[in-house]
C-alpha cells in the first residue's frame, strides 16, 4: 500500500473530505427522524449520534476497493477523515445526550 501525503494546499481534497463528512453526519442524524417516530426528541438525537461512528466496516471495504484500484487515494483519504471526524463527534456528544436523557427519565419517576 502506498502512503499519500496530505497537504492543506490541496483545496479539492479538503472540499471533497468535508462533503463526505457532511453527508455522513447528516445522513446518520436524519435516519431516526424518518424511521423512529415513537422515540422522543432526545432519544432520536441520541440514536442519530450513536449511528455516527459506524464507519469502520466501510474502511475495510474501501481498503479492498483501493487495492483493486476501484477507489482513488483522495476518496480513501476522505473516508479515513470521515471515520475520524464522526468518531470524534460521537464520542463528545453521546455522553452529554445520554446524561440528559437519563436525568430526564429520573425526574419522571
Protein backbone atom coordinates (compact mmCIF):
# COMPACT_ATOMS: atom_id res chain seq x y z
CA UNK A 1 0.00 0.00 0.00
CA UNK A 2 1.27 3.42 -0.88
CA UNK A 3 1.29 6.34 1.55
CA UNK A 4 -0.06 9.61 0.15
CA UNK A 5 0.99 12.95 1.54
CA UNK A 6 -1.86 15.26 2.53
CA UNK A 7 -1.29 18.97 2.14
CA UNK A 8 -3.65 21.71 3.20
CA UNK A 9 -2.97 23.41 -0.12
CA UNK A 10 -4.99 20.72 -1.91
CA UNK A 11 -8.34 22.51 -1.89
CA UNK A 12 -10.11 19.82 -3.89
CA UNK A 13 -9.21 17.15 -1.34
CA UNK A 14 -10.30 19.33 1.59
CA UNK A 15 -13.63 20.17 -0.10
CA UNK A 16 -14.22 16.53 -1.02
CA UNK A 17 -13.46 15.34 2.51
CA UNK A 18 -15.75 17.98 4.03
CA UNK A 19 -18.52 16.98 1.65
CA UNK A 20 -18.15 13.31 2.60
CA UNK A 21 -18.13 14.18 6.32
CA UNK A 22 -21.21 16.39 5.97
CA UNK A 23 -23.09 13.71 4.04
CA UNK A 24 -22.23 11.06 6.62
CA UNK A 25 -23.25 13.22 9.57
CA UNK A 26 -26.49 14.49 8.01
CA UNK A 27 -27.49 11.05 6.77
CA UNK A 28 -26.99 9.36 10.10
CA UNK A 29 -28.64 12.14 12.09
CA UNK A 30 -31.71 12.16 9.82
CA UNK A 31 -32.39 8.42 9.92
CA UNK A 32 -34.01 8.39 13.41
CA UNK A 33 -36.34 11.19 12.35
CA UNK A 34 -37.61 9.07 9.46
CA UNK A 35 -37.86 5.59 10.98
CA UNK A 36 -38.22 6.07 14.73
CA UNK A 37 -41.43 8.02 15.17
CA UNK A 38 -42.14 6.52 18.61
CA UNK A 39 -38.96 7.94 20.14
CA UNK A 40 -38.79 11.22 21.98
CA UNK A 41 -36.80 14.15 20.64
CA UNK A 42 -33.76 13.42 22.82
CA UNK A 43 -33.90 9.70 22.05
CA UNK A 44 -33.86 10.48 18.32
CA UNK A 45 -30.81 12.70 18.70
CA UNK A 46 -29.08 10.07 20.83
CA UNK A 47 -29.82 7.35 18.28
CA UNK A 48 -28.57 9.55 15.44
CA UNK A 49 -25.30 10.33 17.19
CA UNK A 50 -24.92 6.67 18.19
CA UNK A 51 -25.02 5.75 14.50
CA UNK A 52 -22.20 8.18 13.62
CA UNK A 53 -19.10 6.12 14.48
CA UNK A 54 -20.21 3.07 12.49
CA UNK A 55 -17.88 3.60 9.54
CA UNK A 56 -15.04 1.24 10.40
CA UNK A 57 -16.56 -1.52 8.26
CA UNK A 58 -16.68 0.92 5.36
CA UNK A 59 -12.93 1.41 5.77
CA UNK A 60 -12.33 -2.32 5.38
CA UNK A 61 -14.43 -2.42 2.21
CA UNK A 62 -12.80 0.79 0.96
CA UNK A 63 -9.30 -0.63 1.50
CA UNK A 64 -10.21 -3.59 -0.70
CA UNK A 65 -11.51 -1.15 -3.30
CA UNK A 66 -8.28 0.86 -3.06
CA UNK A 67 -6.15 -2.27 -3.51
CA UNK A 68 -8.18 -3.28 -6.56
CA UNK A 69 -7.91 0.30 -7.89
CA UNK A 70 -11.67 0.92 -7.81
CA UNK A 71 -11.16 3.79 -5.37
CA UNK A 72 -8.84 6.78 -5.65
CA UNK A 73 -6.41 7.89 -2.97
CA UNK A 74 -8.45 11.06 -2.48
CA UNK A 75 -11.59 9.02 -1.80
CA UNK A 76 -9.74 6.79 0.68
CA UNK A 77 -8.30 9.81 2.49
CA UNK A 78 -11.78 11.37 2.63
CA UNK A 79 -13.22 8.15 4.09
CA UNK A 80 -10.49 7.93 6.73
CA UNK A 81 -11.05 11.58 7.69
CA UNK A 82 -14.82 10.96 7.79
CA UNK A 83 -14.32 7.99 10.12
CA UNK A 84 -12.10 10.04 12.43
CA UNK A 85 -14.46 13.03 12.42
CA UNK A 86 -17.63 11.04 13.07
CA UNK A 87 -15.99 9.02 15.87
CA UNK A 88 -14.74 12.23 17.49
CA UNK A 89 -18.11 13.97 17.20
CA UNK A 90 -19.99 10.98 18.56
CA UNK A 91 -17.63 10.42 21.49
CA UNK A 92 -18.06 14.00 22.63
CA UNK A 93 -21.83 14.33 22.12
CA UNK A 94 -23.19 10.90 23.17
CA UNK A 95 -22.27 11.20 26.89
CA UNK A 96 -23.94 14.62 27.13
CA UNK A 97 -27.13 13.40 25.44
CA UNK A 98 -27.19 10.18 27.47
CA UNK A 99 -26.81 12.10 30.74
CA UNK A 100 -29.61 14.47 29.78
CA UNK A 101 -31.87 11.59 28.78
CA UNK A 102 -31.03 9.74 31.99
CA UNK A 103 -31.72 12.78 34.19
CA UNK A 104 -34.97 13.40 32.32
CA UNK A 105 -36.14 9.82 32.95
CA UNK A 106 -35.16 10.06 36.65
CA UNK A 107 -37.21 13.24 37.02
CA UNK A 108 -40.29 11.46 35.66
CA UNK A 109 -40.07 8.72 38.30
